[in-house]
């Protein structure tokens, strides 16, 4: 029997255990709101996507 955890809870646990960044998407925008506003996948995007898809069984 596997355990169930919501994506926010999983992110919190992973951040605490592994010190992962808080976002998997980078938005091209500076603190003044200037930029292209394009979104780019960060390097941890596919890892986090896989963790969610496997319900945390593959960390």
PDB file of N, CA and C in Angstrom:
ATOM      1  N   UNK A   1       0.856  -1.177   0.000  1.00  0.00           N
ATOM      2  CA  UNK A   1       0.000   0.000   0.000  1.00  0.00           C
ATOM      3  C   UNK A   1       0.898   1.236   0.000  1.00  0.00           C
ATOM      4  N   UNK A   2       0.710   2.105  -0.982  1.00  0.00           N
ATOM      5  CA  UNK A   2       1.497   3.335  -1.082  1.00  0.00           C
ATOM      6  C   UNK A   2       0.878   4.465  -0.285  1.00  0.00           C
ATOM      7  N   UNK A   3       1.675   5.462  -0.036  1.00  0.00           N
ATOM      8  CA  UNK A   3       1.188   6.623   0.691  1.00  0.00           C
ATOM      9  C   UNK A   3       0.759   7.689  -0.299  1.00  0.00           C
ATOM     10  N   UNK A   4      -0.153   8.515   0.115  1.00  0.00           N
ATOM     11  CA  UNK A   4      -0.678   9.587  -0.733  1.00  0.00           C
ATOM     12  C   UNK A   4      -0.230  10.927  -0.165  1.00  0.00           C
ATOM     13  N   UNK A   5       0.221  11.810  -1.049  1.00  0.00           N
ATOM     14  CA  UNK A   5       0.616  13.148  -0.618  1.00  0.00           C
ATOM     15  C   UNK A   5       0.277  14.120  -1.746  1.00  0.00           C
ATOM     16  N   UNK A   6      -0.194  15.274  -1.387  1.00  0.00           N
ATOM     17  CA  UNK A   6      -0.554  16.272  -2.390  1.00  0.00           C
ATOM     18  C   UNK A   6       0.721  16.941  -2.914  1.00  0.00           C
ATOM     19  N   UNK A   7       0.671  17.556  -4.105  1.00  0.00           N
ATOM     20  CA  UNK A   7       1.870  18.174  -4.696  1.00  0.00           C
ATOM     21  C   UNK A   7       2.517  19.237  -3.807  1.00  0.00           C
ATOM     22  N   UNK A   8       1.721  20.026  -3.090  1.00  0.00           N
ATOM     23  CA  UNK A   8       2.287  21.057  -2.225  1.00  0.00           C
ATOM     24  C   UNK A   8       3.021  20.412  -1.055  1.00  0.00           C
ATOM     25  N   UNK A   9       2.425  19.401  -0.472  1.00  0.00           N
ATOM     26  CA  UNK A   9       3.077  18.690   0.616  1.00  0.00           C
ATOM     27  C   UNK A   9       4.352  18.013   0.154  1.00  0.00           C
ATOM     28  N   UNK A  10       4.318  17.434  -1.038  1.00  0.00           N
ATOM     29  CA  UNK A  10       5.500  16.790  -1.597  1.00  0.00           C
ATOM     30  C   UNK A  10       6.609  17.800  -1.819  1.00  0.00           C
ATOM     31  N   UNK A  11       6.264  18.949  -2.344  1.00  0.00           N
ATOM     32  CA  UNK A  11       7.269  19.997  -2.568  1.00  0.00           C
ATOM     33  C   UNK A  11       7.893  20.421  -1.234  1.00  0.00           C
ATOM     34  N   UNK A  12       7.067  20.558  -0.205  1.00  0.00           N
ATOM     35  CA  UNK A  12       7.569  20.962   1.108  1.00  0.00           C
ATOM     36  C   UNK A  12       8.547  19.926   1.657  1.00  0.00           C
ATOM     37  N   UNK A  13       8.179  18.656   1.555  1.00  0.00           N
ATOM     38  CA  UNK A  13       9.051  17.584   2.036  1.00  0.00           C
ATOM     39  C   UNK A  13      10.354  17.568   1.247  1.00  0.00           C
ATOM     40  N   UNK A  14      10.279  17.654  -0.066  1.00  0.00           N
ATOM     41  CA  UNK A  14      11.472  17.630  -0.904  1.00  0.00           C
ATOM     42  C   UNK A  14      12.362  18.833  -0.636  1.00  0.00           C
ATOM     43  N   UNK A  15      11.767  19.991  -0.441  1.00  0.00           N
ATOM     44  CA  UNK A  15      12.557  21.180  -0.120  1.00  0.00           C
ATOM     45  C   UNK A  15      13.311  20.987   1.185  1.00  0.00           C
ATOM     46  N   UNK A  16      12.640  20.410   2.182  1.00  0.00           N
ATOM     47  CA  UNK A  16      13.277  20.218   3.478  1.00  0.00           C
ATOM     48  C   UNK A  16      14.369  19.158   3.415  1.00  0.00           C
ATOM     49  N   UNK A  17      14.117  18.071   2.681  1.00  0.00           N
ATOM     50  CA  UNK A  17      15.089  16.983   2.619  1.00  0.00           C
ATOM     51  C   UNK A  17      16.254  17.278   1.686  1.00  0.00           C
ATOM     52  N   UNK A  18      15.955  17.856   0.537  1.00  0.00           N
ATOM     53  CA  UNK A  18      16.968  17.992  -0.503  1.00  0.00           C
ATOM     54  C   UNK A  18      17.344  19.435  -0.818  1.00  0.00           C
ATOM     55  N   UNK A  19      16.688  20.394  -0.198  1.00  0.00           N
ATOM     56  CA  UNK A  19      17.002  21.793  -0.451  1.00  0.00           C
ATOM     57  C   UNK A  19      16.718  22.206  -1.880  1.00  0.00           C
ATOM     58  N   UNK A  20      15.640  21.683  -2.451  1.00  0.00           N
ATOM     59  CA  UNK A  20      15.303  22.001  -3.830  1.00  0.00           C
ATOM     60  C   UNK A  20      14.760  23.415  -3.953  1.00  0.00           C
ATOM     61  N   UNK A  21      14.921  24.025  -5.115  1.00  0.00           N
ATOM     62  CA  UNK A  21      14.350  25.353  -5.309  1.00  0.00           C
ATOM     63  C   UNK A  21      12.833  25.312  -5.206  1.00  0.00           C
ATOM     64  N   UNK A  22      12.237  26.444  -4.965  1.00  0.00           N
ATOM     65  CA  UNK A  22      10.793  26.500  -4.739  1.00  0.00           C
ATOM     66  C   UNK A  22       9.977  26.432  -6.022  1.00  0.00           C
ATOM     67  N   UNK A  23      10.588  26.566  -7.167  1.00  0.00           N
ATOM     68  CA  UNK A  23       9.842  26.543  -8.418  1.00  0.00           C
ATOM     69  C   UNK A  23      10.556  25.692  -9.456  1.00  0.00           C
ATOM     70  N   UNK A  24       9.777  25.068 -10.329  1.00  0.00           N
ATOM     71  CA  UNK A  24      10.334  24.272 -11.416  1.00  0.00           C
ATOM     72  C   UNK A  24      10.267  25.019 -12.733  1.00  0.00           C
ATOM     73  N   UNK A  25       9.680  26.199 -12.705  1.00  0.00           N
ATOM     74  CA  UNK A  25       9.537  27.034 -13.895  1.00  0.00           C
ATOM     75  C   UNK A  25      10.208  28.376 -13.632  1.00  0.00           C
ATOM     76  N   UNK A  26      10.986  28.832 -14.594  1.00  0.00           N
ATOM     77  CA  UNK A  26      11.600  30.156 -14.511  1.00  0.00           C
ATOM     78  C   UNK A  26      10.795  31.108 -15.388  1.00  0.00           C
ATOM     79  N   UNK A  27      10.431  32.255 -14.871  1.00  0.00           N
ATOM     80  CA  UNK A  27       9.723  33.274 -15.639  1.00  0.00           C
ATOM     81  C   UNK A  27      10.702  34.415 -15.909  1.00  0.00           C
ATOM     82  N   UNK A  28      10.874  34.742 -17.192  1.00  0.00           N
ATOM     83  CA  UNK A  28      11.803  35.801 -17.587  1.00  0.00           C
ATOM     84  C   UNK A  28      11.183  37.160 -17.278  1.00  0.00           C
ATOM     85  N   UNK A  29      11.401  37.596 -16.028  1.00  0.00           N
ATOM     86  CA  UNK A  29      10.873  38.889 -15.592  1.00  0.00           C
ATOM     87  C   UNK A  29      11.709  39.359 -14.416  1.00  0.00           C
ATOM     88  N   UNK A  30      12.112  40.608 -14.420  1.00  0.00           N
ATOM     89  CA  UNK A  30      12.911  41.118 -13.304  1.00  0.00           C
ATOM     90  C   UNK A  30      12.011  41.686 -12.214  1.00  0.00           C
ATOM     91  N   UNK A  31      12.601  42.204 -11.168  1.00  0.00           N
ATOM     92  CA  UNK A  31      11.817  42.702 -10.036  1.00  0.00           C
ATOM     93  C   UNK A  31      10.996  43.943 -10.371  1.00  0.00           C
ATOM     94  N   UNK A  32      11.293  44.579 -11.512  1.00  0.00           N
ATOM     95  CA  UNK A  32      10.506  45.731 -11.960  1.00  0.00           C
ATOM     96  C   UNK A  32       9.400  45.343 -12.927  1.00  0.00           C
ATOM     97  N   UNK A  33       9.240  44.041 -13.179  1.00  0.00           N
ATOM     98  CA  UNK A  33       8.204  43.571 -14.090  1.00  0.00           C
ATOM     99  C   UNK A  33       8.606  43.615 -15.551  1.00  0.00           C
ATOM    100  N   UNK A  34       9.867  43.911 -15.820  1.00  0.00           N
ATOM    101  CA  UNK A  34      10.349  43.973 -17.204  1.00  0.00           C
ATOM    102  C   UNK A  34      10.870  42.606 -17.614  1.00  0.00           C
ATOM    103  N   UNK A  35      10.669  42.274 -18.869  1.00  0.00           N
ATOM    104  CA  UNK A  35      11.138  41.000 -19.417  1.00  0.00           C
ATOM    105  C   UNK A  35      10.135  40.466 -20.405  1.00  0.00           C
ATOM    106  N   UNK A  36      10.440  39.308 -20.957  1.00  0.00           N
ATOM    107  CA  UNK A  36       9.570  38.728 -21.985  1.00  0.00           C
ATOM    108  C   UNK A  36       8.376  37.982 -21.389  1.00  0.00           C
ATOM    109  N   UNK A  37       8.424  37.686 -20.091  1.00  0.00           N
ATOM    110  CA  UNK A  37       7.400  36.885 -19.409  1.00  0.00           C
ATOM    111  C   UNK A  37       7.299  35.463 -19.946  1.00  0.00           C
ATOM    112  N   UNK A  38       8.300  35.029 -20.706  1.00  0.00           N
ATOM    113  CA  UNK A  38       8.318  33.644 -21.185  1.00  0.00           C
ATOM    114  C   UNK A  38       8.642  32.733 -20.009  1.00  0.00           C
ATOM    115  N   UNK A  39       8.086  31.535 -20.071  1.00  0.00           N
ATOM    116  CA  UNK A  39       8.334  30.539 -19.040  1.00  0.00           C
ATOM    117  C   UNK A  39       9.282  29.477 -19.584  1.00  0.00           C
ATOM    118  N   UNK A  40      10.247  29.090 -18.755  1.00  0.00           N
ATOM    119  CA  UNK A  40      11.231  28.080 -19.125  1.00  0.00           C
ATOM    120  C   UNK A  40      11.265  27.012 -18.050  1.00  0.00           C
ATOM    121  N   UNK A  41      11.359  25.753 -18.461  1.00  0.00           N
ATOM    122  CA  UNK A  41      11.472  24.659 -17.504  1.00  0.00           C
ATOM    123  C   UNK A  41      12.869  24.681 -16.895  1.00  0.00           C
ATOM    124  N   UNK A  42      12.933  24.578 -15.559  1.00  0.00           N
ATOM    125  CA  UNK A  42      14.220  24.466 -14.879  1.00  0.00           C
ATOM    126  C   UNK A  42      14.687  23.013 -14.957  1.00  0.00           C
ATOM    127  N   UNK A  43      15.922  22.775 -14.562  1.00  0.00           N
ATOM    128  CA  UNK A  43      16.487  21.427 -14.670  1.00  0.00           C
ATOM    129  C   UNK A  43      15.754  20.406 -13.803  1.00  0.00           C
ATOM    130  N   UNK A  44      15.104  20.837 -12.731  1.00  0.00           N
ATOM    131  CA  UNK A  44      14.399  19.892 -11.864  1.00  0.00           C
ATOM    132  C   UNK A  44      12.962  19.632 -12.326  1.00  0.00           C
ATOM    133  N   UNK A  45      12.531  20.227 -13.414  1.00  0.00           N
ATOM    134  CA  UNK A  45      11.137  20.102 -13.855  1.00  0.00           C
ATOM    135  C   UNK A  45      10.753  18.653 -14.118  1.00  0.00           C
ATOM    136  N   UNK A  46      11.543  17.924 -14.916  1.00  0.00           N
ATOM    137  CA  UNK A  46      11.174  16.548 -15.266  1.00  0.00           C
ATOM    138  C   UNK A  46      11.258  15.630 -14.052  1.00  0.00           C
ATOM    139  N   UNK A  47      12.227  15.891 -13.146  1.00  0.00           N
ATOM    140  CA  UNK A  47      12.318  15.093 -11.934  1.00  0.00           C
ATOM    141  C   UNK A  47      11.055  15.273 -11.088  1.00  0.00           C
ATOM    142  N   UNK A  48      10.658  16.521 -10.882  1.00  0.00           N
ATOM    143  CA  UNK A  48       9.482  16.795 -10.062  1.00  0.00           C
ATOM    144  C   UNK A  48       8.217  16.240 -10.721  1.00  0.00           C
ATOM    145  N   UNK A  49       8.130  16.343 -12.028  1.00  0.00           N
ATOM    146  CA  UNK A  49       6.989  15.796 -12.776  1.00  0.00           C
ATOM    147  C   UNK A  49       6.900  14.285 -12.566  1.00  0.00           C
ATOM    148  N   UNK A  50       8.042  13.606 -12.582  1.00  0.00           N
ATOM    149  CA  UNK A  50       8.072  12.161 -12.370  1.00  0.00           C
ATOM    150  C   UNK A  50       7.686  11.798 -10.940  1.00  0.00           C
ATOM    151  N   UNK A  51       8.125  12.573  -9.964  1.00  0.00           N
ATOM    152  CA  UNK A  51       7.755  12.318  -8.569  1.00  0.00           C
ATOM    153  C   UNK A  51       6.246  12.411  -8.397  1.00  0.00           C
ATOM    154  N   UNK A  52       5.644  13.408  -9.006  1.00  0.00           N
ATOM    155  CA  UNK A  52       4.181  13.557  -8.922  1.00  0.00           C
ATOM    156  C   UNK A  52       3.480  12.396  -9.626  1.00  0.00           C
ATOM    157  N   UNK A  53       3.970  12.025 -10.818  1.00  0.00           N
ATOM    158  CA  UNK A  53       3.345  10.957 -11.598  1.00  0.00           C
ATOM    159  C   UNK A  53       3.405   9.620 -10.873  1.00  0.00           C
ATOM    160  N   UNK A  54       4.469   9.386 -10.085  1.00  0.00           N
ATOM    161  CA  UNK A  54       4.616   8.117  -9.364  1.00  0.00           C
ATOM    162  C   UNK A  54       4.135   8.227  -7.919  1.00  0.00           C
ATOM    163  N   UNK A  55       3.486   9.330  -7.600  1.00  0.00           N
ATOM    164  CA  UNK A  55       2.951   9.560  -6.255  1.00  0.00           C
ATOM    165  C   UNK A  55       4.044   9.438  -5.190  1.00  0.00           C
ATOM    166  N   UNK A  56       5.232   9.918  -5.529  1.00  0.00           N
ATOM    167  CA  UNK A  56       6.315   9.952  -4.568  1.00  0.00           C
ATOM    168  C   UNK A  56       7.076   8.655  -4.396  1.00  0.00           C
ATOM    169  N   UNK A  57       6.732   7.620  -5.177  1.00  0.00           N
ATOM    170  CA  UNK A  57       7.425   6.351  -5.035  1.00  0.00           C
ATOM    171  C   UNK A  57       8.847   6.410  -5.593  1.00  0.00           C
ATOM    172  N   UNK A  58       9.103   7.323  -6.506  1.00  0.00           N
ATOM    173  CA  UNK A  58      10.449   7.479  -7.062  1.00  0.00           C
ATOM    174  C   UNK A  58      10.966   8.879  -6.724  1.00  0.00           C
ATOM    175  N   UNK A  59      11.662   8.949  -5.619  1.00  0.00           N
ATOM    176  CA  UNK A  59      12.235  10.227  -5.201  1.00  0.00           C
ATOM    177  C   UNK A  59      13.638  10.379  -5.700  1.00  0.00           C
TER     178      UNK A  59
END
